[in-house]
PDB file of N, CA and C in Angstrom:
ATOM      1  N   MET A   1     -34.792  11.031  -2.690  1.00  0.00           N
ATOM      2  CA  MET A   1     -34.689   9.631  -2.993  1.00  0.00           C
ATOM      3  C   MET A   1     -34.776   8.800  -1.708  1.00  0.00           C
ATOM      4  N   ALA A   2     -34.181   9.319  -0.633  1.00  0.00           N
ATOM      5  CA  ALA A   2     -34.224   8.592   0.636  1.00  0.00           C
ATOM      6  C   ALA A   2     -35.662   8.463   1.138  1.00  0.00           C
ATOM      7  N   GLU A   3     -36.428   9.535   0.978  1.00  0.00           N
ATOM      8  CA  GLU A   3     -37.824   9.494   1.414  1.00  0.00           C
ATOM      9  C   GLU A   3     -38.613   8.477   0.591  1.00  0.00           C
ATOM     10  N   LEU A   4     -38.392   8.446  -0.715  1.00  0.00           N
ATOM     11  CA  LEU A   4     -39.065   7.455  -1.561  1.00  0.00           C
ATOM     12  C   LEU A   4     -38.661   6.038  -1.165  1.00  0.00           C
ATOM     13  N   ALA A   5     -37.375   5.833  -0.918  1.00  0.00           N
ATOM     14  CA  ALA A   5     -36.872   4.511  -0.554  1.00  0.00           C
ATOM     15  C   ALA A   5     -37.478   4.011   0.758  1.00  0.00           C
ATOM     16  N   SER A   6     -37.890   4.912   1.627  1.00  0.00           N
ATOM     17  CA  SER A   6     -38.459   4.509   2.911  1.00  0.00           C
ATOM     18  C   SER A   6     -39.923   4.087   2.796  1.00  0.00           C
ATOM     19  N   MET A   7     -40.532   4.328   1.664  1.00  0.00           N
ATOM     20  CA  MET A   7     -41.945   3.981   1.480  1.00  0.00           C
ATOM     21  C   MET A   7     -42.070   2.520   1.057  1.00  0.00           C
ATOM     22  N   PRO A   8     -43.118   1.845   1.543  1.00  0.00           N
ATOM     23  CA  PRO A   8     -43.243   0.399   1.285  1.00  0.00           C
ATOM     24  C   PRO A   8     -43.604   0.015  -0.148  1.00  0.00           C
ATOM     25  N   SER A   9     -44.238   0.887  -0.893  1.00  0.00           N
ATOM     26  CA  SER A   9     -44.721   0.485  -2.214  1.00  0.00           C
ATOM     27  C   SER A   9     -43.970   1.139  -3.368  1.00  0.00           C
ATOM     28  N   VAL A  10     -42.791   1.654  -3.105  1.00  0.00           N
ATOM     29  CA  VAL A  10     -42.018   2.314  -4.151  1.00  0.00           C
ATOM     30  C   VAL A  10     -41.011   1.325  -4.724  1.00  0.00           C
ATOM     31  N   VAL A  11     -40.993   1.236  -6.046  1.00  0.00           N
ATOM     32  CA  VAL A  11     -40.019   0.399  -6.733  1.00  0.00           C
ATOM     33  C   VAL A  11     -39.128   1.323  -7.543  1.00  0.00           C
ATOM     34  N   GLN A  12     -37.846   1.252  -7.288  1.00  0.00           N
ATOM     35  CA  GLN A  12     -36.896   2.069  -8.042  1.00  0.00           C
ATOM     36  C   GLN A  12     -36.251   1.185  -9.093  1.00  0.00           C
ATOM     37  N   LEU A  13     -36.176   1.699 -10.297  1.00  0.00           N
ATOM     38  CA  LEU A  13     -35.629   0.922 -11.398  1.00  0.00           C
ATOM     39  C   LEU A  13     -35.065   1.864 -12.441  1.00  0.00           C
ATOM     40  N   ASP A  14     -33.912   1.527 -12.955  1.00  0.00           N
ATOM     41  CA  ASP A  14     -33.319   2.297 -14.046  1.00  0.00           C
ATOM     42  C   ASP A  14     -33.998   1.824 -15.333  1.00  0.00           C
ATOM     43  N   ILE A  15     -35.106   2.467 -15.673  1.00  0.00           N
ATOM     44  CA  ILE A  15     -35.927   1.981 -16.783  1.00  0.00           C
ATOM     45  C   ILE A  15     -35.200   2.051 -18.125  1.00  0.00           C
ATOM     46  N   GLU A  16     -34.288   2.996 -18.272  1.00  0.00           N
ATOM     47  CA  GLU A  16     -33.542   3.077 -19.532  1.00  0.00           C
ATOM     48  C   GLU A  16     -32.622   1.877 -19.695  1.00  0.00           C
ATOM     49  N   SER A  17     -31.989   1.429 -18.615  1.00  0.00           N
ATOM     50  CA  SER A  17     -31.136   0.246 -18.678  1.00  0.00           C
ATOM     51  C   SER A  17     -31.954  -1.007 -18.959  1.00  0.00           C
ATOM     52  N   VAL A  18     -33.124  -1.106 -18.332  1.00  0.00           N
ATOM     53  CA  VAL A  18     -33.995  -2.259 -18.576  1.00  0.00           C
ATOM     54  C   VAL A  18     -34.440  -2.276 -20.031  1.00  0.00           C
ATOM     55  N   ALA A  19     -34.777  -1.111 -20.565  1.00  0.00           N
ATOM     56  CA  ALA A  19     -35.189  -1.026 -21.966  1.00  0.00           C
ATOM     57  C   ALA A  19     -34.057  -1.492 -22.882  1.00  0.00           C
ATOM     58  N   LYS A  20     -32.840  -1.077 -22.585  1.00  0.00           N
ATOM     59  CA  LYS A  20     -31.688  -1.517 -23.387  1.00  0.00           C
ATOM     60  C   LYS A  20     -31.507  -3.024 -23.276  1.00  0.00           C
ATOM     61  N   ASP A  21     -31.661  -3.571 -22.074  1.00  0.00           N
ATOM     62  CA  ASP A  21     -31.552  -5.013 -21.868  1.00  0.00           C
ATOM     63  C   ASP A  21     -32.629  -5.769 -22.632  1.00  0.00           C
ATOM     64  N   ALA A  22     -33.766  -5.117 -22.822  1.00  0.00           N
ATOM     65  CA  ALA A  22     -34.866  -5.727 -23.573  1.00  0.00           C
ATOM     66  C   ALA A  22     -34.650  -5.610 -25.080  1.00  0.00           C
ATOM     67  N   GLY A  23     -33.582  -4.927 -25.468  1.00  0.00           N
ATOM     68  CA  GLY A  23     -33.311  -4.751 -26.896  1.00  0.00           C
ATOM     69  C   GLY A  23     -34.076  -3.599 -27.506  1.00  0.00           C
ATOM     70  N   ASN A  24     -34.526  -2.687 -26.668  1.00  0.00           N
ATOM     71  CA  ASN A  24     -35.339  -1.581 -27.134  1.00  0.00           C
ATOM     72  C   ASN A  24     -34.905  -0.312 -26.397  1.00  0.00           C
ATOM     73  N   ALA A  25     -33.774   0.235 -26.805  1.00  0.00           N
ATOM     74  CA  ALA A  25     -33.199   1.395 -26.110  1.00  0.00           C
ATOM     75  C   ALA A  25     -34.184   2.555 -26.000  1.00  0.00           C
ATOM     76  N   ARG A  26     -35.126   2.646 -26.918  1.00  0.00           N
ATOM     77  CA  ARG A  26     -36.112   3.734 -26.881  1.00  0.00           C
ATOM     78  C   ARG A  26     -37.392   3.322 -26.155  1.00  0.00           C
ATOM     79  N   GLY A  27     -37.387   2.165 -25.514  1.00  0.00           N
ATOM     80  CA  GLY A  27     -38.602   1.625 -24.918  1.00  0.00           C
ATOM     81  C   GLY A  27     -38.772   1.865 -23.433  1.00  0.00           C
ATOM     82  N   ALA A  28     -38.123   2.889 -22.899  1.00  0.00           N
ATOM     83  CA  ALA A  28     -38.258   3.167 -21.470  1.00  0.00           C
ATOM     84  C   ALA A  28     -39.724   3.390 -21.090  1.00  0.00           C
ATOM     85  N   ASN A  29     -40.473   3.988 -21.996  1.00  0.00           N
ATOM     86  CA  ASN A  29     -41.897   4.222 -21.711  1.00  0.00           C
ATOM     87  C   ASN A  29     -42.665   2.907 -21.582  1.00  0.00           C
ATOM     88  N   MET A  30     -42.256   1.884 -22.335  1.00  0.00           N
ATOM     89  CA  MET A  30     -42.909   0.573 -22.237  1.00  0.00           C
ATOM     90  C   MET A  30     -42.569  -0.094 -20.908  1.00  0.00           C
ATOM     91  N   VAL A  31     -41.333   0.064 -20.443  1.00  0.00           N
ATOM     92  CA  VAL A  31     -40.938  -0.474 -19.140  1.00  0.00           C
ATOM     93  C   VAL A  31     -41.767   0.197 -18.053  1.00  0.00           C
ATOM     94  N   LEU A  32     -41.886   1.504 -18.125  1.00  0.00           N
ATOM     95  CA  LEU A  32     -42.659   2.254 -17.140  1.00  0.00           C
ATOM     96  C   LEU A  32     -44.134   1.856 -17.164  1.00  0.00           C
ATOM     97  N   LEU A  33     -44.688   1.702 -18.350  1.00  0.00           N
ATOM     98  CA  LEU A  33     -46.078   1.248 -18.465  1.00  0.00           C
ATOM     99  C   LEU A  33     -46.231  -0.141 -17.861  1.00  0.00           C
ATOM    100  N   GLY A  34     -45.266  -1.007 -18.121  1.00  0.00           N
ATOM    101  CA  GLY A  34     -45.310  -2.349 -17.549  1.00  0.00           C
ATOM    102  C   GLY A  34     -45.272  -2.329 -16.031  1.00  0.00           C
ATOM    103  N   MET A  35     -44.459  -1.440 -15.468  1.00  0.00           N
ATOM    104  CA  MET A  35     -44.393  -1.328 -14.009  1.00  0.00           C
ATOM    105  C   MET A  35     -45.729  -0.864 -13.433  1.00  0.00           C
ATOM    106  N   ALA A  36     -46.418  -0.001 -14.155  1.00  0.00           N
ATOM    107  CA  ALA A  36     -47.700   0.520 -13.675  1.00  0.00           C
ATOM    108  C   ALA A  36     -48.869  -0.417 -13.970  1.00  0.00           C
ATOM    109  N   ALA A  37     -48.713  -1.276 -14.963  1.00  0.00           N
ATOM    110  CA  ALA A  37     -49.819  -2.106 -15.451  1.00  0.00           C
ATOM    111  C   ALA A  37     -50.557  -2.890 -14.367  1.00  0.00           C
ATOM    112  N   PRO A  38     -49.875  -3.546 -13.438  1.00  0.00           N
ATOM    113  CA  PRO A  38     -50.621  -4.306 -12.424  1.00  0.00           C
ATOM    114  C   PRO A  38     -51.493  -3.436 -11.516  1.00  0.00           C
ATOM    115  N   PHE A  39     -51.233  -2.139 -11.517  1.00  0.00           N
ATOM    116  CA  PHE A  39     -51.966  -1.239 -10.633  1.00  0.00           C
ATOM    117  C   PHE A  39     -53.037  -0.429 -11.367  1.00  0.00           C
ATOM    118  N   ILE A  40     -53.059  -0.551 -12.696  1.00  0.00           N
ATOM    119  CA  ILE A  40     -54.070   0.149 -13.498  1.00  0.00           C
ATOM    120  C   ILE A  40     -55.322  -0.714 -13.499  1.00  0.00           C
ATOM    121  N   GLU A  41     -56.386  -0.212 -12.972  1.00  0.00           N
ATOM    122  CA  GLU A  41     -57.584  -1.028 -12.825  1.00  0.00           C
ATOM    123  C   GLU A  41     -58.535  -0.911 -14.012  1.00  0.00           C
ATOM    124  N   ILE A  42     -58.241  -0.047 -14.949  1.00  0.00           N
ATOM    125  CA  ILE A  42     -59.116   0.123 -16.106  1.00  0.00           C
ATOM    126  C   ILE A  42     -58.892  -0.993 -17.122  1.00  0.00           C
ATOM    127  N   LEU A  43     -57.620  -1.364 -17.317  1.00  0.00           N
ATOM    128  CA  LEU A  43     -57.257  -2.416 -18.268  1.00  0.00           C
ATOM    129  C   LEU A  43     -56.368  -3.441 -17.578  1.00  0.00           C
ATOM    130  N   SER A  44     -56.509  -4.699 -17.982  1.00  0.00           N
ATOM    131  CA  SER A  44     -55.658  -5.749 -17.427  1.00  0.00           C
ATOM    132  C   SER A  44     -54.297  -5.727 -18.123  1.00  0.00           C
ATOM    133  N   VAL A  45     -53.336  -6.431 -17.558  1.00  0.00           N
ATOM    134  CA  VAL A  45     -52.014  -6.545 -18.168  1.00  0.00           C
ATOM    135  C   VAL A  45     -52.153  -7.125 -19.577  1.00  0.00           C
ATOM    136  N   GLU A  46     -52.985  -8.144 -19.723  1.00  0.00           N
ATOM    137  CA  GLU A  46     -53.153  -8.776 -21.037  1.00  0.00           C
ATOM    138  C   GLU A  46     -53.801  -7.812 -22.033  1.00  0.00           C
ATOM    139  N   GLN A  47     -54.755  -7.019 -21.607  1.00  0.00           N
ATOM    140  CA  GLN A  47     -55.370  -6.032 -22.499  1.00  0.00           C
ATOM    141  C   GLN A  47     -54.343  -4.990 -22.946  1.00  0.00           C
ATOM    142  N   LEU A  48     -53.479  -4.584 -22.047  1.00  0.00           N
ATOM    143  CA  LEU A  48     -52.419  -3.635 -22.415  1.00  0.00           C
ATOM    144  C   LEU A  48     -51.443  -4.267 -23.408  1.00  0.00           C
ATOM    145  N   ARG A  49     -51.111  -5.553 -23.206  1.00  0.00           N
ATOM    146  CA  ARG A  49     -50.226  -6.250 -24.156  1.00  0.00           C
ATOM    147  C   ARG A  49     -50.856  -6.271 -25.550  1.00  0.00           C
ATOM    148  N   LYS A  50     -52.141  -6.555 -25.613  1.00  0.00           N
ATOM    149  CA  LYS A  50     -52.830  -6.584 -26.911  1.00  0.00           C
ATOM    150  C   LYS A  50     -52.820  -5.200 -27.557  1.00  0.00           C
ATOM    151  N   ALA A  51     -53.038  -4.170 -26.750  1.00  0.00           N
ATOM    152  CA  ALA A  51     -53.026  -2.802 -27.279  1.00  0.00           C
ATOM    153  C   ALA A  51     -51.649  -2.435 -27.823  1.00  0.00           C
ATOM    154  N   ILE A  52     -50.601  -2.822 -27.134  1.00  0.00           N
ATOM    155  CA  ILE A  52     -49.236  -2.564 -27.611  1.00  0.00           C
ATOM    156  C   ILE A  52     -49.031  -3.250 -28.950  1.00  0.00           C
ATOM    157  N   SER A  53     -49.501  -4.486 -29.070  1.00  0.00           N
ATOM    158  CA  SER A  53     -49.371  -5.224 -30.334  1.00  0.00           C
ATOM    159  C   SER A  53     -50.079  -4.511 -31.483  1.00  0.00           C
ATOM    160  N   VAL A  54     -51.260  -4.003 -31.214  1.00  0.00           N
ATOM    161  CA  VAL A  54     -52.027  -3.305 -32.248  1.00  0.00           C
ATOM    162  C   VAL A  54     -51.360  -1.980 -32.625  1.00  0.00           C
ATOM    163  N   ILE A  55     -50.956  -1.226 -31.626  1.00  0.00           N
ATOM    164  CA  ILE A  55     -50.378   0.095 -31.867  1.00  0.00           C
ATOM    165  C   ILE A  55     -49.096   0.017 -32.692  1.00  0.00           C
ATOM    166  N   PHE A  56     -48.246  -0.983 -32.402  1.00  0.00           N
ATOM    167  CA  PHE A  56     -46.953  -1.078 -33.077  1.00  0.00           C
ATOM    168  C   PHE A  56     -46.944  -2.035 -34.264  1.00  0.00           C
ATOM    169  N   ALA A  57     -48.078  -2.647 -34.588  1.00  0.00           N
ATOM    170  CA  ALA A  57     -48.134  -3.644 -35.663  1.00  0.00           C
ATOM    171  C   ALA A  57     -47.620  -3.117 -36.996  1.00  0.00           C
ATOM    172  N   ARG A  58     -47.929  -1.885 -37.336  1.00  0.00           N
ATOM    173  CA  ARG A  58     -47.522  -1.343 -38.638  1.00  0.00           C
ATOM    174  C   ARG A  58     -46.009  -1.157 -38.739  1.00  0.00           C
ATOM    175  N   LYS A  59     -45.314  -1.200 -37.601  1.00  0.00           N
ATOM    176  CA  LYS A  59     -43.862  -1.033 -37.601  1.00  0.00           C
ATOM    177  C   LYS A  59     -43.127  -2.369 -37.719  1.00  0.00           C
ATOM    178  N   GLY A  60     -43.870  -3.452 -37.711  1.00  0.00           N
ATOM    179  CA  GLY A  60     -43.268  -4.764 -37.894  1.00  0.00           C
ATOM    180  C   GLY A  60     -43.199  -5.584 -36.618  1.00  0.00           C
ATOM    181  N   GLU A  61     -43.068  -6.883 -36.815  1.00  0.00           N
ATOM    182  CA  GLU A  61     -43.076  -7.824 -35.703  1.00  0.00           C
ATOM    183  C   GLU A  61     -41.915  -7.605 -34.738  1.00  0.00           C
ATOM    184  N   ALA A  62     -40.748  -7.244 -35.253  1.00  0.00           N
ATOM    185  CA  ALA A  62     -39.583  -7.025 -34.383  1.00  0.00           C
ATOM    186  C   ALA A  62     -39.839  -5.879 -33.411  1.00  0.00           C
ATOM    187  N   VAL A  63     -40.476  -4.812 -33.871  1.00  0.00           N
ATOM    188  CA  VAL A  63     -40.784  -3.666 -33.015  1.00  0.00           C
ATOM    189  C   VAL A  63     -41.844  -4.055 -31.986  1.00  0.00           C
ATOM    190  N   VAL A  64     -42.840  -4.807 -32.418  1.00  0.00           N
ATOM    191  CA  VAL A  64     -43.876  -5.277 -31.486  1.00  0.00           C
ATOM    192  C   VAL A  64     -43.233  -6.110 -30.388  1.00  0.00           C
ATOM    193  N   GLU A  65     -42.398  -7.061 -30.776  1.00  0.00           N
ATOM    194  CA  GLU A  65     -41.767  -7.949 -29.793  1.00  0.00           C
ATOM    195  C   GLU A  65     -40.846  -7.193 -28.840  1.00  0.00           C
ATOM    196  N   ALA A  66     -40.103  -6.224 -29.348  1.00  0.00           N
ATOM    197  CA  ALA A  66     -39.209  -5.433 -28.497  1.00  0.00           C
ATOM    198  C   ALA A  66     -40.012  -4.641 -27.471  1.00  0.00           C
ATOM    199  N   ASN A  67     -41.132  -4.077 -27.888  1.00  0.00           N
ATOM    200  CA  ASN A  67     -41.977  -3.313 -26.971  1.00  0.00           C
ATOM    201  C   ASN A  67     -42.649  -4.223 -25.951  1.00  0.00           C
ATOM    202  N   LEU A  68     -43.100  -5.384 -26.387  1.00  0.00           N
ATOM    203  CA  LEU A  68     -43.711  -6.329 -25.451  1.00  0.00           C
ATOM    204  C   LEU A  68     -42.695  -6.837 -24.436  1.00  0.00           C
ATOM    205  N   LYS A  69     -41.471  -7.078 -24.886  1.00  0.00           N
ATOM    206  CA  LYS A  69     -40.431  -7.543 -23.968  1.00  0.00           C
ATOM    207  C   LYS A  69     -40.137  -6.472 -22.912  1.00  0.00           C
ATOM    208  N   ALA A  70     -40.015  -5.216 -23.338  1.00  0.00           N
ATOM    209  CA  ALA A  70     -39.781  -4.123 -22.396  1.00  0.00           C
ATOM    210  C   ALA A  70     -40.960  -3.993 -21.424  1.00  0.00           C
ATOM    211  N   PHE A  71     -42.168  -4.090 -21.938  1.00  0.00           N
ATOM    212  CA  PHE A  71     -43.378  -4.034 -21.095  1.00  0.00           C
ATOM    213  C   PHE A  71     -43.361  -5.156 -20.072  1.00  0.00           C
ATOM    214  N   ASP A  72     -43.096  -6.384 -20.522  1.00  0.00           N
ATOM    215  CA  ASP A  72     -43.083  -7.542 -19.628  1.00  0.00           C
ATOM    216  C   ASP A  72     -42.002  -7.423 -18.554  1.00  0.00           C
ATOM    217  N   MET A  73     -40.851  -6.869 -18.921  1.00  0.00           N
ATOM    218  CA  MET A  73     -39.792  -6.672 -17.935  1.00  0.00           C
ATOM    219  C   MET A  73     -40.227  -5.661 -16.879  1.00  0.00           C
ATOM    220  N   GLY A  74     -40.977  -4.658 -17.291  1.00  0.00           N
ATOM    221  CA  GLY A  74     -41.536  -3.700 -16.338  1.00  0.00           C
ATOM    222  C   GLY A  74     -42.545  -4.335 -15.414  1.00  0.00           C
ATOM    223  N   VAL A  75     -43.403  -5.196 -15.968  1.00  0.00           N
ATOM    224  CA  VAL A  75     -44.397  -5.913 -15.142  1.00  0.00           C
ATOM    225  C   VAL A  75     -43.667  -6.741 -14.094  1.00  0.00           C
ATOM    226  N   GLU A  76     -42.654  -7.467 -14.512  1.00  0.00           N
ATOM    227  CA  GLU A  76     -41.899  -8.303 -13.566  1.00  0.00           C
ATOM    228  C   GLU A  76     -41.213  -7.456 -12.497  1.00  0.00           C
ATOM    229  N   ALA A  77     -40.674  -6.314 -12.874  1.00  0.00           N
ATOM    230  CA  ALA A  77     -40.007  -5.439 -11.912  1.00  0.00           C
ATOM    231  C   ALA A  77     -40.972  -4.929 -10.856  1.00  0.00           C
ATOM    232  N   SER A  78     -42.228  -4.743 -11.231  1.00  0.00           N
ATOM    233  CA  SER A  78     -43.210  -4.228 -10.275  1.00  0.00           C
ATOM    234  C   SER A  78     -43.558  -5.259  -9.199  1.00  0.00           C
ATOM    235  N   LYS A  79     -43.225  -6.514  -9.453  1.00  0.00           N
ATOM    236  CA  LYS A  79     -43.548  -7.584  -8.496  1.00  0.00           C
ATOM    237  C   LYS A  79     -42.475  -7.747  -7.431  1.00  0.00           C
ATOM    238  N   LYS A  80     -41.352  -7.064  -7.598  1.00  0.00           N
ATOM    239  CA  LYS A  80     -40.236  -7.209  -6.644  1.00  0.00           C
ATOM    240  C   LYS A  80     -40.412  -6.338  -5.434  1.00  0.00           C
TER     241      LYS A  80
END
C-alpha cells in the first residue's frame, strides 16, 4: 500500500463505502467503473452512463439511478 501511495496517479478509495453512500450497497463495481471511466479511451463517460441506463432499465428507474449515482461518485473520486 505504501508503494501505491507513493505513485502520482493512484487514487485510493473505499469503493464499498462510497457505494453505500450512493444508496447502492451492491454497486461497488459501478464506483470502480466510474473511477476508471475518465481513463477509458474507447467510450466517453457519457456513453458509459447511457450504457448503464440501458443495462439496468429492466430493473426499474430506482436501480438505474442508484447505479448512475455510484458511477458518478466514482468519476468524481478519480478527479481528486
